[in-house]
Protein backbone atom coordinates (compact mmCIF):
# COMPACT_ATOMS: atom_id res chain seq x y z
CA MET A 1 82.33 189.77 123.79
CA ALA A 2 83.55 186.26 124.48
CA ALA A 3 86.41 184.13 125.78
CA VAL A 4 87.01 181.09 123.56
CA LEU A 5 89.58 178.32 124.04
CA GLY A 6 90.69 176.34 120.97
CA ILE A 7 92.16 172.86 121.33
CA SER A 8 94.17 170.56 119.04
CA GLY A 9 95.47 167.19 120.13
CA LEU A 10 95.32 163.38 120.24
CA TYR A 11 97.41 163.05 117.06
CA HIS A 12 100.52 165.25 117.09
CA ASP A 13 101.54 168.84 117.91
CA ALA A 14 98.86 169.29 120.56
CA ALA A 15 98.18 172.91 121.51
CA ALA A 16 95.73 175.37 123.01
CA ALA A 17 94.90 178.94 121.96
CA LEU A 18 92.80 181.56 123.71
CA VAL A 19 90.86 184.36 122.00
CA VAL A 20 89.27 187.00 124.25
CA ASP A 21 87.04 189.75 122.89
CA GLY A 22 88.42 189.13 119.40
CA ARG A 23 92.08 189.28 120.48
CA VAL A 24 94.53 186.39 120.35
CA VAL A 25 95.88 186.59 123.90
CA ALA A 26 97.72 183.25 124.27
CA ALA A 27 98.74 180.18 122.28
CA MET A 28 100.83 177.35 123.69
CA HIS A 29 102.21 174.02 122.50
CA GLU A 30 101.70 171.13 124.91
CA GLU A 31 105.24 169.89 124.20
CA ARG A 32 106.72 172.99 125.84
CA LEU A 33 105.12 171.83 129.10
CA ASP A 34 105.00 168.03 129.04
CA ARG A 35 108.47 167.91 127.36
CA VAL A 36 107.38 165.30 124.80
CA LYS A 37 108.35 166.41 121.30
CA HIS A 38 105.29 166.73 119.01
CA SER A 39 103.13 165.81 121.99
CA ALA A 40 99.94 163.92 121.07
CA ALA A 41 98.27 164.47 124.45
CA LEU A 42 95.01 166.21 125.11
CA PRO A 43 96.65 169.56 125.96
CA GLU A 44 95.36 170.17 129.47
CA ARG A 45 98.64 171.81 130.56
CA ALA A 46 98.67 174.17 127.58
CA ALA A 47 95.00 175.01 128.07
CA ARG A 48 95.49 175.90 131.72
CA ALA A 49 98.62 177.88 130.86
CA CYS A 50 96.68 179.97 128.33
CA LEU A 51 93.95 180.64 130.89
CA ALA A 52 96.54 181.63 133.50
CA MET A 53 98.26 184.02 131.09
CA ALA A 54 94.94 185.79 130.54
CA GLY A 55 93.89 185.63 134.20
CA ILE A 56 90.72 183.72 133.31
CA ASP A 57 89.13 180.81 135.13
CA ALA A 58 87.90 177.96 132.93
CA LYS A 59 84.39 178.47 134.31
CA ALA A 60 84.38 181.94 132.73
CA LEU A 61 84.91 180.54 129.21
CA ASP A 62 82.10 181.07 126.75
CA ALA A 63 83.20 178.19 124.54
CA VAL A 64 85.77 175.43 124.07
CA VAL A 65 86.33 174.23 120.50
CA PHE A 66 88.15 171.13 119.21
CA TYR A 67 89.95 171.36 115.86
CA GLU A 68 88.23 168.47 114.04
CA GLU A 69 84.91 166.63 113.97
CA PRO A 70 85.46 163.37 115.89
CA PHE A 71 82.50 161.43 114.42
CA ALA A 72 83.30 162.51 110.83
CA LYS A 73 86.89 161.32 111.28
CA PHE A 74 85.68 158.03 112.76
CA GLU A 75 83.35 157.57 109.77
CA ARG A 76 86.24 158.01 107.31
CA LEU A 77 88.56 155.75 109.27
CA LEU A 78 85.93 153.03 109.64
CA GLY A 79 85.13 153.12 105.92
CA TRP A 80 88.81 152.86 104.97
CA LEU A 81 89.51 150.06 107.42
CA VAL A 82 86.49 148.05 106.31
CA GLN A 83 87.53 148.52 102.67
CA THR A 84 91.03 147.16 103.35
CA PHE A 85 90.30 144.91 106.35
CA PRO A 86 91.71 141.59 105.12
CA ARG A 87 95.21 143.06 104.80
CA ALA A 88 95.82 143.86 108.46
CA PRO A 89 93.30 142.82 111.10
CA SER A 90 95.61 143.84 113.96
CA TYR A 91 95.80 147.42 112.65
CA PHE A 92 92.02 147.40 112.22
CA ALA A 93 91.52 146.41 115.86
CA ARG A 94 94.12 148.87 117.17
CA SER A 95 92.64 151.81 115.25
CA LEU A 96 89.13 151.05 116.44
CA ARG A 97 90.35 150.84 120.04
CA GLN A 98 92.07 154.23 119.74
CA GLN A 99 88.98 155.89 118.31
CA LEU A 100 86.44 154.27 120.61
CA ALA A 101 88.52 154.59 123.78
CA LYS A 102 89.45 158.26 123.52
CA LYS A 103 89.18 160.23 120.30
CA LEU A 104 85.47 159.73 119.71
CA TRP A 105 84.60 161.12 123.14
CA VAL A 106 87.08 163.99 123.21
CA LEU A 107 84.41 166.69 123.63
CA ASP A 108 83.08 165.00 126.75
CA GLU A 109 86.62 164.64 128.08
CA LEU A 110 87.33 168.33 127.48
CA SER A 111 84.18 169.24 129.39
CA GLU A 112 85.14 167.04 132.32
CA THR A 113 88.85 167.93 132.35
CA LEU A 114 88.35 171.70 132.19
CA GLY A 115 85.16 171.84 134.26
CA VAL A 116 83.23 173.52 131.45
CA PRO A 117 79.57 172.64 130.78
CA ARG A 118 79.24 170.16 127.90
CA SER A 119 76.89 172.57 126.14
CA LYS A 120 79.80 174.99 125.70
CA VAL A 121 82.11 172.41 124.07
CA SER A 122 81.94 171.85 120.31
CA SER A 123 84.12 171.06 117.31
CA ARG A 124 84.79 172.44 113.84
CA GLU A 125 86.01 170.85 110.61
CA HIS A 126 89.78 170.34 110.48
CA HIS A 127 90.61 172.14 107.23
CA LEU A 128 88.25 174.99 108.07
CA CYS A 129 90.26 175.46 111.29
CA HIS A 130 93.49 175.47 109.24
CA ALA A 131 92.06 178.08 106.87
CA ALA A 132 90.85 180.24 109.76
CA SER A 133 94.23 180.03 111.50
CA ALA A 134 95.93 181.54 108.47
CA PHE A 135 93.46 184.02 106.99
CA PHE A 136 91.99 185.61 110.10
CA VAL A 137 95.40 186.63 111.50
CA SER A 138 96.81 187.63 108.10
CA PRO A 139 97.20 191.27 107.06
CA PHE A 140 94.71 190.79 104.19
CA GLU A 141 91.07 191.83 103.95
CA GLU A 142 90.64 189.42 101.02
CA ALA A 143 92.77 186.43 100.06
CA ALA A 144 92.80 183.00 98.52
CA VAL A 145 93.51 180.40 101.21
CA LEU A 146 95.16 177.04 100.49
CA THR A 147 95.15 174.31 103.15
CA VAL A 148 97.26 171.20 102.53
CA ASP A 149 98.13 168.46 105.02
CA GLY A 150 97.96 164.70 105.58
CA VAL A 151 94.24 164.36 106.20
CA GLY A 152 91.58 165.85 108.43
CA GLU A 153 88.21 164.11 108.59
CA HIS A 154 87.98 163.43 104.85
CA THR A 155 89.68 166.45 103.28
CA THR A 156 93.39 166.56 102.49
CA THR A 157 93.49 169.73 100.38
CA ALA A 158 91.19 172.73 100.05
CA ILE A 159 90.98 176.15 98.43
CA TRP A 160 89.00 178.85 100.21
CA GLN A 161 87.96 182.42 99.54
CA GLY A 162 88.61 184.62 102.55
CA ARG A 163 86.79 187.91 102.75
CA GLY A 164 86.51 189.99 105.92
CA ALA A 165 85.25 187.64 108.62
CA THR A 166 84.11 184.85 106.28
CA LEU A 167 85.59 181.79 104.57
CA GLU A 168 84.00 179.99 101.62
CA ARG A 169 85.26 176.64 100.32
CA ARG A 170 85.89 176.65 96.56
CA PHE A 171 87.65 173.32 95.91
CA SER A 172 88.76 170.24 97.85
CA LEU A 173 90.36 166.80 97.52
CA GLU A 174 89.73 163.86 99.81
CA PHE A 175 91.65 160.96 101.36
CA PRO A 176 93.65 159.03 100.24
CA HIS A 177 94.81 161.63 97.69
CA SER A 178 97.14 163.68 99.87
CA LEU A 179 100.37 165.62 99.36
CA GLY A 180 101.08 165.39 103.07
CA LEU A 181 100.81 161.61 103.09
CA PHE A 182 102.87 161.34 99.89
CA TYR A 183 105.65 163.37 101.50
CA ALA A 184 105.30 161.39 104.74
CA ALA A 185 105.65 158.11 102.83
CA ILE A 186 108.92 159.29 101.22
CA THR A 187 110.03 160.55 104.64
CA ALA A 188 109.55 157.04 106.05
CA TYR A 189 111.14 155.44 102.96
CA THR A 190 114.33 157.46 103.46
CA GLY A 191 114.59 156.34 107.09
CA PHE A 192 113.22 159.42 108.89
CA GLU A 193 110.48 159.44 111.49
CA VAL A 194 107.11 160.54 110.14
CA LEU A 195 105.71 163.77 111.65
CA ASP A 196 109.25 164.78 112.65
CA GLY A 197 111.46 164.00 109.65
CA GLU A 198 109.64 165.84 106.84
CA LEU A 199 111.83 168.93 107.33
CA LYS A 200 114.89 166.67 107.26
CA LEU A 201 113.70 165.30 103.93
CA MET A 202 113.37 168.85 102.59
CA ALA A 203 116.94 169.63 103.70
CA LEU A 204 118.24 166.39 102.19
CA ALA A 205 116.52 167.19 98.88
CA ALA A 206 118.88 170.12 98.28
CA HIS A 207 121.79 167.64 98.06
CA GLY A 208 120.20 165.53 95.32
CA THR A 209 119.23 165.69 91.66
CA PRO A 210 115.64 165.04 90.49
CA ARG A 211 116.43 161.92 88.48
CA TYR A 212 113.53 159.94 89.98
CA VAL A 213 110.77 162.35 88.99
CA GLY A 214 109.63 159.94 86.27
CA GLU A 215 109.33 157.03 88.69
CA LEU A 216 107.60 159.10 91.38
CA SER A 217 105.19 160.51 88.79
CA ARG A 218 103.69 157.03 88.71
CA VAL A 219 103.03 157.40 92.42
CA LEU A 220 101.77 161.01 92.43
CA HIS A 221 99.82 161.90 89.28
CA LEU A 222 99.52 165.65 88.70
CA GLY A 223 96.39 166.84 86.92
CA ALA A 224 96.02 169.73 84.52
CA ASP A 225 93.94 171.96 86.80
CA GLY A 226 95.64 171.75 90.18
CA ASP A 227 94.25 168.37 91.19
CA PHE A 228 96.35 165.25 91.81
CA ALA A 229 95.93 161.60 92.69
CA LEU A 230 97.97 158.93 94.49
CA ASP A 231 98.30 155.43 93.05
CA ALA A 232 97.29 153.14 95.91
CA ARG A 233 99.47 150.30 94.63
CA TYR A 234 102.56 152.00 96.03
CA PHE A 235 101.21 152.49 99.54
CA ASP A 236 100.46 150.40 102.58
CA ALA A 237 97.65 151.63 104.78
CA PHE A 238 98.89 149.71 107.78
CA THR A 239 102.05 151.35 109.00
CA ASP A 240 102.41 153.87 111.81
CA THR A 241 101.18 156.54 109.42
CA GLU A 242 97.73 156.38 107.90
CA LEU A 243 99.19 155.91 104.44
CA GLY A 244 102.76 154.60 104.44
CA PHE A 245 104.95 153.29 101.64
CA GLY A 246 104.47 149.69 100.57
CA ALA A 247 106.50 146.96 98.93
CA GLU A 248 105.57 148.21 95.46
CA LEU A 249 107.37 151.50 96.14
CA GLU A 250 110.53 149.58 97.01
CA ARG A 251 110.21 147.62 93.77
CA LEU A 252 109.99 150.95 91.95
CA LEU A 253 112.80 152.81 93.76
CA GLY A 254 114.91 150.13 95.41
CA PRO A 255 115.20 149.17 99.08
CA ALA A 256 114.13 151.68 101.72
CA ARG A 257 116.82 153.20 103.92
CA PRO A 258 117.12 151.74 107.44
CA ALA A 259 116.28 154.13 110.25
CA ASN A 260 118.88 155.57 112.64
CA VAL A 261 121.89 154.86 110.42
CA PRO A 262 124.44 157.74 110.14
CA TRP A 263 124.42 159.55 106.80
CA ASP A 264 127.45 159.83 104.52
CA LEU A 265 126.52 161.75 101.41
CA ALA A 266 130.15 162.21 100.41
CA ARG A 267 131.07 158.53 100.20
CA SER A 268 127.90 156.45 100.13
CA PRO A 269 126.26 155.84 96.69
CA ASP A 270 123.16 154.59 98.48
CA ASP A 271 122.84 157.81 100.47
CA ARG A 272 123.26 159.87 97.30
CA ARG A 273 120.44 157.80 95.75
CA TYR A 274 118.18 158.62 98.70
CA ALA A 275 119.08 162.30 98.29
CA ASP A 276 118.05 162.09 94.63
CA ILE A 277 114.75 160.48 95.63
CA ALA A 278 114.20 163.23 98.21
CA ARG A 279 114.87 165.90 95.57
CA SER A 280 112.47 164.22 93.16
CA ALA A 281 109.74 164.09 95.81
CA GLN A 282 110.36 167.74 96.66
CA VAL A 283 110.11 168.76 92.99
CA LEU A 284 106.81 166.91 92.55
CA THR A 285 105.42 168.38 95.76
CA GLU A 286 106.35 171.88 94.66
CA GLU A 287 104.76 171.33 91.24
CA ALA A 288 101.57 170.06 92.87
CA LEU A 289 101.44 173.05 95.22
CA LEU A 290 102.12 175.43 92.36
CA GLY A 291 99.23 173.91 90.40
CA LEU A 292 96.94 174.31 93.40
CA ALA A 293 98.03 177.91 94.02
CA ARG A 294 97.48 178.83 90.37
CA ARG A 295 94.05 177.28 90.55
CA ALA A 296 93.38 179.33 93.69
CA ARG A 297 94.43 182.45 91.78
CA ARG A 298 91.83 181.65 89.11
CA GLU A 299 89.11 180.63 91.57
CA VAL A 300 89.43 183.59 93.94
CA ALA A 301 89.51 187.22 92.88
CA ALA A 302 92.24 188.24 95.32
CA ASP A 303 95.90 189.16 94.95
CA ALA A 304 97.06 187.60 98.24
CA LEU A 305 97.50 183.97 99.27
CA CYS A 306 97.40 182.42 102.77
CA LEU A 307 98.71 178.93 103.46
CA ALA A 308 98.12 176.49 106.33
CA GLY A 309 98.39 172.78 107.05
CA GLY A 310 101.58 170.86 107.69
CA VAL A 311 102.69 171.03 104.03
CA ALA A 312 102.75 174.85 104.33
CA LEU A 313 105.84 174.47 106.55
CA ASN A 314 107.81 173.42 103.45
CA CYS A 315 109.62 176.76 103.14
CA THR A 316 111.33 175.88 99.85
CA ALA A 317 107.91 175.35 98.29
CA THR A 318 106.47 178.58 99.71
CA ALA A 319 109.29 180.52 98.07
CA ARG A 320 108.31 179.05 94.71
CA LEU A 321 104.67 179.96 95.28
CA ALA A 322 105.61 183.53 96.14
CA ALA A 323 107.68 183.77 92.95
CA GLU A 324 105.53 181.85 90.45
CA ALA A 325 101.89 181.49 91.54
CA GLY A 326 100.79 184.97 90.47
CA PHE A 327 100.06 186.50 93.88
CA SER A 328 101.67 189.74 95.02
CA ARG A 329 101.80 188.65 98.69
CA VAL A 330 101.92 185.30 100.50
CA PHE A 331 101.40 184.65 104.22
CA VAL A 332 102.05 181.47 106.23
CA GLN A 333 100.86 181.39 109.83
CA PRO A 334 103.89 180.37 111.96
CA ALA A 335 102.16 177.34 113.55
CA ALA A 336 100.86 176.13 110.22
CA GLY A 337 100.62 172.48 111.26
CA ASP A 338 98.10 170.84 113.56
CA ALA A 339 98.95 173.11 116.50
CA GLY A 340 97.59 176.03 114.49
CA GLY A 341 94.22 174.31 114.25
CA ALA A 342 93.62 175.26 117.89
CA LEU A 343 93.96 178.93 116.97
CA GLY A 344 91.67 178.58 113.96
CA ALA A 345 89.01 176.78 116.02
CA ALA A 346 89.03 179.50 118.67
CA ILE A 347 88.73 182.31 116.11
CA LEU A 348 85.87 180.61 114.25
CA ARG A 349 83.77 180.27 117.39
CA ALA A 350 84.62 183.80 118.56
CA LEU A 351 83.38 185.17 115.23
CA GLU A 352 80.17 183.14 115.57
CA LEU A 353 79.64 184.68 119.02
CA GLY A 354 79.87 188.18 117.53
CA ASP A 355 83.46 189.12 118.30
CA PRO A 356 85.46 191.10 115.73
CA ARG A 357 88.09 189.50 113.52
CA PRO A 358 91.50 189.52 115.29
CA ALA A 359 94.20 191.99 114.36
CA PRO A 360 96.99 190.73 112.08
CA LEU A 361 99.50 188.59 113.94
CA GLY A 362 102.33 190.80 115.13
CA SER A 363 104.71 189.02 117.46
CA PRO A 364 104.76 185.21 117.71
CA ALA A 365 105.41 185.52 121.47
CA LEU A 366 102.12 184.05 122.68
CA GLY A 367 103.39 181.45 125.18
CA GLN A 368 104.40 181.55 128.83
CA ALA A 369 106.93 184.16 129.96
CA ILE A 370 110.35 183.50 131.45
CA ASP A 371 110.78 184.14 135.18
CA ALA A 372 114.36 185.41 135.12
CA GLY A 373 114.61 185.55 138.92
CA ALA A 374 113.61 181.91 139.34
CA GLY A 375 116.03 180.95 136.57
CA ALA A 376 118.86 182.85 138.28
CA ASP A 377 118.14 181.08 141.57
CA LEU A 378 118.27 177.68 139.87
CA ALA A 379 121.51 178.56 138.05
CA GLU A 380 123.15 179.64 141.32
CA ARG A 381 122.10 176.38 143.01
CA LEU A 382 123.78 174.52 140.14
CA GLY A 383 127.02 176.41 140.72
CA LEU A 384 126.84 178.54 137.57
CA GLY A 385 127.99 182.15 137.36
CA VAL A 386 125.05 184.55 137.55
CA SER A 387 125.19 188.32 137.04
CA ARG A 388 123.07 191.27 135.97
CA PRO A 389 125.52 193.32 133.91
CA PRO A 390 124.46 196.90 133.04
CA ARG A 391 124.82 196.09 129.31
CA PRO A 392 123.99 192.38 128.92
CA PHE A 393 123.66 192.54 125.15
CA GLU A 394 127.13 194.05 124.85
CA ARG A 395 128.56 191.12 126.79
CA ALA A 396 126.56 188.62 124.67
CA ALA A 397 127.81 190.28 121.48
CA GLU A 398 131.42 189.95 122.70
CA ILE A 399 130.96 186.21 123.25
CA LEU A 400 129.38 185.77 119.81
CA ALA A 401 132.10 187.82 118.09
CA ARG A 402 134.85 185.48 119.33
CA GLY A 403 132.97 182.42 118.09
CA GLY A 404 131.06 181.56 121.26
CA LEU A 405 127.48 180.32 121.56
CA VAL A 406 124.77 182.25 123.41
CA ALA A 407 121.40 180.88 124.46
CA LEU A 408 118.64 183.49 124.56
CA ALA A 409 115.49 182.87 126.65
CA THR A 410 113.43 185.99 127.02
CA GLY A 411 109.82 187.05 127.34
CA ARG A 412 106.98 184.82 126.20
CA GLY A 413 107.70 181.68 124.19
CA GLU A 414 107.21 181.39 120.43
CA TRP A 415 104.06 180.11 118.76
CA GLY A 416 105.11 177.62 116.09
CA PRO A 417 108.06 175.27 115.56
CA ARG A 418 110.68 177.93 114.75
CA ALA A 419 113.00 179.78 117.14
CA LEU A 420 112.13 183.42 116.57
CA GLY A 421 114.23 185.19 119.17
CA PHE A 422 112.55 184.12 122.40
CA ARG A 423 113.98 180.62 122.84
CA SER A 424 116.99 180.74 120.50
CA LEU A 425 120.55 179.49 120.37
CA LEU A 426 122.74 182.05 118.60
CA ALA A 427 126.15 181.96 116.94
CA ARG A 428 128.20 183.75 114.29
CA ALA A 429 126.67 183.45 110.85
CA ASP A 430 129.96 183.88 108.97
CA ASP A 431 131.87 180.88 110.26
CA THR A 432 131.26 177.36 108.95
CA GLY A 433 133.39 175.94 111.75
CA VAL A 434 131.07 177.44 114.37
CA ARG A 435 128.08 176.12 112.42
CA ASP A 436 129.51 172.60 112.35
CA ALA A 437 130.26 172.77 116.07
CA VAL A 438 126.65 173.71 116.82
CA ASN A 439 125.46 170.77 114.73
CA ARG A 440 127.88 168.27 116.21
CA ARG A 441 128.26 169.33 119.84
CA VAL A 442 124.83 170.76 120.64
CA LYS A 443 122.09 169.81 118.22
CA GLY A 444 123.24 166.29 117.31
CA ARG A 445 121.69 166.61 113.86
CA GLU A 446 122.47 165.27 110.41
CA SER A 447 125.29 167.29 108.87
CA PHE A 448 123.25 168.13 105.77
CA ARG A 449 120.67 170.18 107.69
CA PRO A 450 121.00 173.98 107.44
CA PHE A 451 120.73 176.74 110.02
CA ALA A 452 118.81 179.99 109.63
CA PRO A 453 120.06 183.59 109.73
CA SER A 454 118.42 186.27 111.86
CA VAL A 455 118.92 189.82 110.62
CA LEU A 456 117.40 193.17 111.47
CA GLU A 457 114.51 194.02 109.20
CA ALA A 458 116.33 197.19 108.14
CA ASN A 459 119.23 195.07 106.83
CA ALA A 460 117.25 192.31 105.13
CA ASP A 461 117.11 193.83 101.64
CA ALA A 462 120.81 194.63 101.68
CA LEU A 463 121.66 191.00 102.46
CA PHE A 464 118.99 189.04 100.52
CA HIS A 465 117.08 189.05 97.25
CA HIS A 466 113.25 189.04 97.17
CA VAL A 467 112.58 189.25 100.88
CA GLY A 468 109.01 188.04 101.52
CA ALA A 469 108.04 190.59 104.15
CA ASP A 470 104.88 188.68 105.13
CA MET A 471 106.75 185.40 105.71
CA THR A 472 110.32 186.18 106.79
CA PRO A 473 109.27 187.53 110.22
CA PHE A 474 108.07 183.98 110.98
CA MET A 475 110.83 182.08 109.12
CA THR A 476 108.36 180.37 106.74
CA THR A 477 110.16 180.85 103.43
CA VAL A 478 113.65 180.93 101.93
CA CYS A 479 115.53 183.73 100.19
CA ARG A 480 118.74 183.92 98.17
CA PRO A 481 121.62 185.93 99.67
CA ARG A 482 123.13 188.71 97.60
CA GLU A 483 126.56 187.95 96.19
CA SER A 484 128.03 190.85 98.15
CA ALA A 485 126.75 189.36 101.44
CA LEU A 486 127.99 185.78 101.08
CA GLY A 487 131.01 186.42 103.28
CA GLU A 488 128.75 187.45 106.17
CA LEU A 489 126.44 184.47 105.67
CA SER A 490 128.73 181.52 104.93
CA GLY A 491 127.45 179.52 107.92
CA VAL A 492 123.75 179.96 107.13
CA VAL A 493 123.51 179.37 103.37
CA HIS A 494 122.26 175.92 102.38
CA VAL A 495 123.84 173.87 99.61
CA ASP A 496 121.08 175.03 97.23
CA GLY A 497 122.09 178.66 97.73
CA THR A 498 119.13 179.67 99.90
CA SER A 499 118.60 180.64 103.53
CA ARG A 500 115.48 180.40 105.70
CA LEU A 501 115.56 184.07 106.61
CA HIS A 502 114.28 185.49 109.90
CA SER A 503 113.78 189.26 109.63
CA VAL A 504 113.67 190.87 113.09
CA SER A 505 112.06 194.07 114.33
CA LYS A 506 111.93 195.69 117.78
CA GLU A 507 108.16 195.33 117.78
CA ARG A 508 108.15 191.56 117.17
CA ALA A 509 111.30 190.41 119.00
CA PRO A 510 112.80 193.27 121.05
CA ALA A 511 115.60 191.36 122.80
CA LEU A 512 116.94 189.73 119.64
CA ALA A 513 116.66 193.05 117.79
CA GLU A 514 118.76 194.76 120.47
CA LEU A 515 121.34 191.99 120.41
CA LEU A 516 121.60 192.14 116.61
CA ALA A 517 122.05 195.91 116.76
CA GLU A 518 124.78 195.58 119.40
CA TYR A 519 126.49 192.82 117.41
CA GLU A 520 126.50 195.03 114.31
CA ARG A 521 127.86 198.00 116.27
CA SER A 522 130.73 195.98 117.71
CA THR A 523 131.64 193.81 114.71
CA GLY A 524 130.14 195.40 111.60
CA ARG A 525 128.42 192.09 110.83
CA ARG A 526 124.66 192.05 110.37
CA ALA A 527 123.53 188.43 110.78
CA LEU A 528 123.50 185.74 113.46
CA LEU A 529 122.93 182.01 113.14
CA ASP A 530 119.65 181.28 114.92
CA THR A 531 118.46 177.80 115.90
CA SER A 532 115.97 176.53 118.45
CA LEU A 533 116.89 176.21 122.12
CA ASN A 534 116.80 172.43 122.50
CA GLY A 535 119.02 169.39 122.27
CA ALA A 536 118.53 166.33 120.10
CA GLY A 537 115.06 164.80 120.45
CA GLU A 538 113.84 167.55 122.79
CA PRO A 539 111.10 170.13 122.32
CA ILE A 540 112.06 173.81 122.39
CA ALA A 541 112.65 175.14 125.90
CA GLY A 542 109.50 176.52 127.46
CA SER A 543 110.31 177.70 130.98
CA GLU A 544 113.34 179.23 132.65
CA ASN A 545 114.04 175.80 134.17
CA ASP A 546 114.21 174.27 130.67
CA ALA A 547 116.61 176.99 129.54
CA VAL A 548 118.91 176.58 132.55
CA ALA A 549 118.83 172.77 132.19
CA PHE A 550 119.79 173.11 128.53
CA PHE A 551 122.71 175.40 129.39
CA ALA A 552 123.89 173.19 132.27
CA THR A 553 123.96 170.06 130.10
CA HIS A 554 125.47 171.58 126.91
CA ARG A 555 128.95 172.73 127.83
CA ALA A 556 129.66 173.95 124.31
CA VAL A 557 127.26 176.84 125.00
CA ASP A 558 129.14 179.75 126.59
CA ALA A 559 126.36 181.89 128.04
CA LEU A 560 122.64 182.03 128.68
CA LEU A 561 120.74 185.31 128.66
CA LEU A 562 117.52 185.11 130.73
CA ASP A 563 115.96 188.52 130.10
CA ASP A 564 118.62 190.73 131.80
CA VAL A 565 120.27 187.88 133.75
CA LEU A 566 123.53 186.55 132.31
CA VAL A 567 124.46 182.95 133.20
CA GLU A 568 128.01 181.79 132.43
CA ARG A 569 130.30 178.88 133.26
CA ARG A 570 132.41 180.87 135.76
CA PRO A 571 131.25 183.46 138.29
CA ARG A 572 131.81 187.04 137.16
């Protein structure tokens, strides 16, 4: 039996995950601790937090594993830079400095930082870590596994056969042919920040029509058997991403949208054009993923599909795969992006050391726990009203019923980028005015971005069509509301008629389940709007201090529930 720490970092979404005796005991995003959204740090804070949660000293670790092979990545980067060197010598020099100064020696740094012998520190291939993060915590004994992201060392896309405690690669594509980098380039073209704005692009796509599919098909060529290729003429290798859009793409589609300019889809023809381009990119991405998934169905004799890599967070696409790829079940690990690589790395090494395969992922609550007493003390020092009512969920339901906003910070924090009932901001789901107030007064987001509904698992089928029971607990797909339920869901249905459903059970999210049950008892309504507990540009709240700070600085929020502690604007 072994204790293995997995690490991802030095690019974006840094994280640590701890597997002990074949059990996933902790997983933590660095951003929840260093308060830098999509933190690119080496996640020392997250690593030490995972060890503390398990009561393990770093010296007791049997292994530490990094989520990619540093020298293989350096080899690919060096080859690409040499190939294109005359175009941007400054980028060439900067990239070499980054690799030589830090990334190439990350295993030595992990050894020194954590105080673990260098002989215990190793690395595994990036896409293998993605595949492991999805399959080994899935509910399936056998499955096809599809990993799709920007790029790892060389691989951008891979199909795997998962069986028991093994993974076998069946197909792969290499850089620069990448769906993740294609989507990132269109993200940058439409004025969003790469590695943060891809989900904004997906939301924007619902407002457009796919009239640029023909033009973008010159950029992304789809093959007949699930493969695809990017035309390098439309890209520039020397932007802040590894493959950004170039001048040729602007000649094809028109001028790129400036960053940080307010959107006006109702009155701006230019903004409607960008929405059409977003929709066209989304359609092509979905078609490419569908081709890959159908190839996986042919390559692997299994009726289930697992997905990982940043592209797997495109919940509109995962819904299409579930409906059209030919699999009976589809699973997306909640931290499907680079953070999840830490979990995959830890599981791979644990299996090598003889530990059993982990149990299927139940609750996403794998982070640090709230200290409600410390949070109450801080709230009192700030002059806020603090109480421990005998029925806190009844009081929270009353506030929600009258159109108020309730922040919920309870138990251990979520693993992954979605608020799943542990660090959530909640509101009525049947009121578009409340929805717009959340967007405008709290989240500071673009008006075209949707919110998600949380509903009790027992009510999901009554409210939605085709509930994907393997994905909706982690909010990784979309569903269509039933006609009879639209009145209850008017604030959480996107313009395309879908909702990113979160189905809730007592086992996975007990506090949110109790609040939903109380809200239904008192109002007859079965859904709540659920968004992450953070303001604009912030990571999701991690600690009780983060939750209290959020509440203190967002006066539109009426109450904060810290476990059984109720914090309000006026003393009760």
